[in-house]
Each structure stands twice: as structure tokens, then as C-alpha cells.
Amino acid sequence: MVEYSRTDRQVLTSEQRKAKDAERRADAEQAMREHRAAQKAFHENRERLRALRLAREANALGKTDRTIAGPLAPPRS
């Protein structure tokens, strides 16, 4: 039978705990920044694709780009 002792675990000093906590906090903040950037890119791409799909559907129904893009859109030649 193998015996395990609790002395195998390293005891951290106050400074080491603070440094480890600061590192964890920095890692978490970086992960959140990356997550937000990925979410923003996803939503922008989804909106772009949605606009393209709506324009394609409108053209298939015989509407002009002017009705899709609004009154300030240049006329299609």
C-alpha cells in the first residue's frame, strides 16, 4: 500500500500567493479581451452576411437596392 503525505504540497509565501493571484487575474483579463474581440468579429460578420442575404432576397423579388439601403443610396446603374 502506498502512503501519501501532505508534505508533498509546496506551501506558498504571502508574496508568492499575491504574485500567483496577479498572474491569474492578468490571464483572465486577457482571456476576456480575446473573447470580446472574437464575439465582436462574429457579430460583425453575421450582420454583413445578413445584409448580403437580404439584398439577394430583395433582388430576387424584383426590388431595387435603393429600398434595401435606404433613401441615401446611390441609384444602381
N, C-alpha and C. Protein backbone atom coordinates (compact mmCIF):
# COMPACT_ATOMS: atom_id res chain seq x y z
N MET A 1 0.84 -1.18 0.00
CA MET A 1 0.00 0.00 0.00
C MET A 1 0.89 1.25 0.00
N VAL A 2 0.51 2.22 -0.83
CA VAL A 2 1.28 3.44 -0.96
C VAL A 2 0.73 4.47 0.01
N GLU A 3 1.60 5.11 0.73
CA GLU A 3 1.17 6.15 1.66
C GLU A 3 1.49 7.51 1.05
N TYR A 4 0.55 8.40 1.19
CA TYR A 4 0.74 9.76 0.68
C TYR A 4 0.85 10.70 1.87
N SER A 5 1.79 11.58 1.77
CA SER A 5 1.93 12.54 2.85
C SER A 5 1.50 13.92 2.37
N ARG A 6 1.07 14.73 3.27
CA ARG A 6 0.61 16.07 2.93
C ARG A 6 1.77 17.03 2.79
N THR A 7 2.97 16.60 3.06
CA THR A 7 4.13 17.47 2.97
C THR A 7 4.62 17.62 1.53
N ASP A 8 4.05 16.84 0.60
CA ASP A 8 4.46 16.95 -0.80
C ASP A 8 4.04 18.28 -1.40
N ARG A 9 3.02 18.87 -0.84
CA ARG A 9 2.49 20.12 -1.38
C ARG A 9 3.35 21.30 -0.91
N GLN A 10 3.68 22.16 -1.86
CA GLN A 10 4.52 23.30 -1.54
C GLN A 10 3.68 24.38 -0.87
N VAL A 11 4.18 24.92 0.20
CA VAL A 11 3.49 26.00 0.90
C VAL A 11 3.99 27.32 0.32
N LEU A 12 3.04 28.16 -0.10
CA LEU A 12 3.40 29.43 -0.72
C LEU A 12 3.48 30.52 0.34
N THR A 13 4.42 31.42 0.11
CA THR A 13 4.51 32.58 0.99
C THR A 13 3.47 33.60 0.56
N SER A 14 3.26 34.59 1.34
CA SER A 14 2.29 35.64 1.05
C SER A 14 2.62 36.32 -0.28
N GLU A 15 3.88 36.61 -0.52
CA GLU A 15 4.29 37.26 -1.76
C GLU A 15 4.04 36.34 -2.96
N GLN A 16 4.32 35.05 -2.81
CA GLN A 16 4.09 34.10 -3.90
C GLN A 16 2.60 33.99 -4.21
N ARG A 17 1.77 33.96 -3.16
CA ARG A 17 0.32 33.91 -3.37
C ARG A 17 -0.16 35.15 -4.10
N LYS A 18 0.34 36.31 -3.70
CA LYS A 18 -0.06 37.56 -4.36
C LYS A 18 0.38 37.57 -5.82
N ALA A 19 1.59 37.09 -6.10
CA ALA A 19 2.09 37.05 -7.47
C ALA A 19 1.26 36.07 -8.31
N LYS A 20 0.93 34.93 -7.72
CA LYS A 20 0.13 33.94 -8.44
C LYS A 20 -1.27 34.47 -8.72
N ASP A 21 -1.86 35.16 -7.74
CA ASP A 21 -3.19 35.76 -7.93
C ASP A 21 -3.15 36.84 -9.02
N ALA A 22 -2.10 37.66 -9.02
CA ALA A 22 -1.97 38.70 -10.04
C ALA A 22 -1.82 38.08 -11.43
N GLU A 23 -1.06 36.99 -11.51
CA GLU A 23 -0.89 36.31 -12.80
C GLU A 23 -2.21 35.72 -13.28
N ARG A 24 -2.96 35.10 -12.37
CA ARG A 24 -4.27 34.55 -12.73
C ARG A 24 -5.22 35.65 -13.20
N ARG A 25 -5.20 36.77 -12.49
CA ARG A 25 -6.06 37.90 -12.85
C ARG A 25 -5.70 38.43 -14.24
N ALA A 26 -4.40 38.56 -14.50
CA ALA A 26 -3.95 39.04 -15.82
C ALA A 26 -4.35 38.06 -16.92
N ASP A 27 -4.21 36.76 -16.65
CA ASP A 27 -4.61 35.75 -17.63
C ASP A 27 -6.11 35.81 -17.90
N ALA A 28 -6.90 36.00 -16.84
CA ALA A 28 -8.35 36.07 -17.00
C ALA A 28 -8.75 37.31 -17.80
N GLU A 29 -8.11 38.43 -17.54
CA GLU A 29 -8.40 39.66 -18.28
C GLU A 29 -8.04 39.50 -19.76
N GLN A 30 -6.92 38.86 -20.04
CA GLN A 30 -6.51 38.62 -21.42
C GLN A 30 -7.52 37.71 -22.12
N ALA A 31 -7.96 36.67 -21.42
CA ALA A 31 -8.94 35.75 -22.00
C ALA A 31 -10.25 36.48 -22.29
N MET A 32 -10.66 37.38 -21.41
CA MET A 32 -11.90 38.14 -21.64
C MET A 32 -11.74 39.09 -22.81
N ARG A 33 -10.57 39.72 -22.96
CA ARG A 33 -10.34 40.60 -24.12
C ARG A 33 -10.42 39.80 -25.41
N GLU A 34 -9.81 38.62 -25.43
CA GLU A 34 -9.84 37.79 -26.62
C GLU A 34 -11.27 37.33 -26.92
N HIS A 35 -12.01 36.98 -25.88
CA HIS A 35 -13.39 36.55 -26.06
C HIS A 35 -14.25 37.67 -26.63
N ARG A 36 -14.09 38.87 -26.07
CA ARG A 36 -14.86 40.02 -26.58
C ARG A 36 -14.52 40.33 -28.03
N ALA A 37 -13.25 40.24 -28.38
CA ALA A 37 -12.83 40.51 -29.77
C ALA A 37 -13.42 39.45 -30.70
N ALA A 38 -13.43 38.21 -30.28
CA ALA A 38 -14.00 37.15 -31.11
C ALA A 38 -15.50 37.34 -31.26
N GLN A 39 -16.18 37.71 -30.19
CA GLN A 39 -17.62 37.95 -30.24
C GLN A 39 -17.94 39.12 -31.18
N LYS A 40 -17.15 40.19 -31.09
CA LYS A 40 -17.38 41.35 -31.93
C LYS A 40 -17.20 40.99 -33.41
N ALA A 41 -16.14 40.24 -33.71
CA ALA A 41 -15.89 39.82 -35.09
C ALA A 41 -17.02 38.93 -35.59
N PHE A 42 -17.50 38.04 -34.73
CA PHE A 42 -18.59 37.14 -35.11
C PHE A 42 -19.85 37.94 -35.44
N HIS A 43 -20.21 38.88 -34.57
CA HIS A 43 -21.43 39.65 -34.78
C HIS A 43 -21.32 40.55 -36.01
N GLU A 44 -20.15 41.16 -36.23
CA GLU A 44 -19.98 41.99 -37.42
C GLU A 44 -20.11 41.15 -38.69
N ASN A 45 -19.51 39.96 -38.69
CA ASN A 45 -19.60 39.09 -39.85
C ASN A 45 -21.04 38.62 -40.07
N ARG A 46 -21.74 38.31 -38.98
CA ARG A 46 -23.13 37.87 -39.09
C ARG A 46 -23.99 38.98 -39.69
N GLU A 47 -23.79 40.21 -39.25
CA GLU A 47 -24.57 41.34 -39.78
C GLU A 47 -24.24 41.58 -41.25
N ARG A 48 -22.97 41.43 -41.62
CA ARG A 48 -22.58 41.60 -43.02
C ARG A 48 -23.26 40.54 -43.89
N LEU A 49 -23.21 39.30 -43.43
CA LEU A 49 -23.84 38.22 -44.19
C LEU A 49 -25.36 38.39 -44.25
N ARG A 50 -25.95 38.89 -43.17
CA ARG A 50 -27.39 39.12 -43.15
C ARG A 50 -27.77 40.19 -44.18
N ALA A 51 -26.98 41.26 -44.24
CA ALA A 51 -27.26 42.33 -45.20
C ALA A 51 -27.14 41.79 -46.64
N LEU A 52 -26.14 40.97 -46.89
CA LEU A 52 -25.99 40.38 -48.21
C LEU A 52 -27.18 39.48 -48.56
N ARG A 53 -27.61 38.69 -47.58
CA ARG A 53 -28.75 37.79 -47.82
C ARG A 53 -30.01 38.58 -48.08
N LEU A 54 -30.25 39.63 -47.31
CA LEU A 54 -31.45 40.45 -47.52
C LEU A 54 -31.43 41.12 -48.88
N ALA A 55 -30.26 41.61 -49.29
CA ALA A 55 -30.14 42.24 -50.60
C ALA A 55 -30.39 41.22 -51.71
N ARG A 56 -29.85 40.03 -51.55
CA ARG A 56 -30.05 38.97 -52.53
C ARG A 56 -31.53 38.58 -52.63
N GLU A 57 -32.19 38.46 -51.48
CA GLU A 57 -33.61 38.12 -51.47
C GLU A 57 -34.45 39.23 -52.10
N ALA A 58 -34.09 40.48 -51.81
CA ALA A 58 -34.84 41.60 -52.36
C ALA A 58 -34.68 41.65 -53.88
N ASN A 59 -33.47 41.42 -54.35
CA ASN A 59 -33.24 41.41 -55.80
C ASN A 59 -33.99 40.27 -56.46
N ALA A 60 -34.11 39.16 -55.77
CA ALA A 60 -34.85 38.02 -56.32
C ALA A 60 -36.34 38.35 -56.42
N LEU A 61 -36.83 39.22 -55.58
CA LEU A 61 -38.24 39.61 -55.60
C LEU A 61 -38.49 40.78 -56.55
N GLY A 62 -37.45 41.32 -57.18
CA GLY A 62 -37.60 42.40 -58.14
C GLY A 62 -37.51 43.78 -57.52
N LYS A 63 -37.11 43.87 -56.26
CA LYS A 63 -36.94 45.19 -55.63
C LYS A 63 -35.57 45.73 -56.02
N THR A 64 -35.38 47.03 -55.85
CA THR A 64 -34.09 47.63 -56.17
C THR A 64 -33.25 47.75 -54.91
N ASP A 65 -31.95 47.97 -55.07
CA ASP A 65 -31.06 48.18 -53.93
C ASP A 65 -31.44 49.43 -53.16
N ARG A 66 -32.08 50.37 -53.80
CA ARG A 66 -32.47 51.63 -53.16
C ARG A 66 -33.40 51.37 -51.98
N THR A 67 -34.28 50.42 -52.09
CA THR A 67 -35.21 50.14 -50.98
C THR A 67 -34.51 49.43 -49.85
N ILE A 68 -33.47 48.68 -50.13
CA ILE A 68 -32.74 47.96 -49.09
C ILE A 68 -31.82 48.90 -48.33
N ALA A 69 -31.04 49.69 -49.09
CA ALA A 69 -30.01 50.53 -48.48
C ALA A 69 -30.56 51.82 -47.91
N GLY A 70 -31.75 52.22 -48.30
CA GLY A 70 -32.31 53.45 -47.77
C GLY A 70 -32.33 54.54 -48.81
N PRO A 71 -32.88 55.68 -48.47
CA PRO A 71 -33.05 56.77 -49.46
C PRO A 71 -31.77 57.43 -49.89
N LEU A 72 -30.68 57.29 -49.13
CA LEU A 72 -29.43 57.97 -49.48
C LEU A 72 -28.53 57.12 -50.36
N ALA A 73 -28.94 55.91 -50.68
CA ALA A 73 -28.11 55.04 -51.50
C ALA A 73 -28.08 55.55 -52.94
N PRO A 74 -26.92 55.47 -53.60
CA PRO A 74 -26.83 55.92 -54.98
C PRO A 74 -27.66 54.97 -55.87
N PRO A 75 -28.25 55.49 -56.92
CA PRO A 75 -29.04 54.62 -57.80
C PRO A 75 -28.13 53.61 -58.48
N ARG A 76 -28.67 52.44 -58.68
CA ARG A 76 -27.92 51.37 -59.33
C ARG A 76 -27.95 51.57 -60.84
N SER A 77 -26.77 51.49 -61.49
CA SER A 77 -26.74 51.70 -62.93
C SER A 77 -26.74 50.38 -63.66
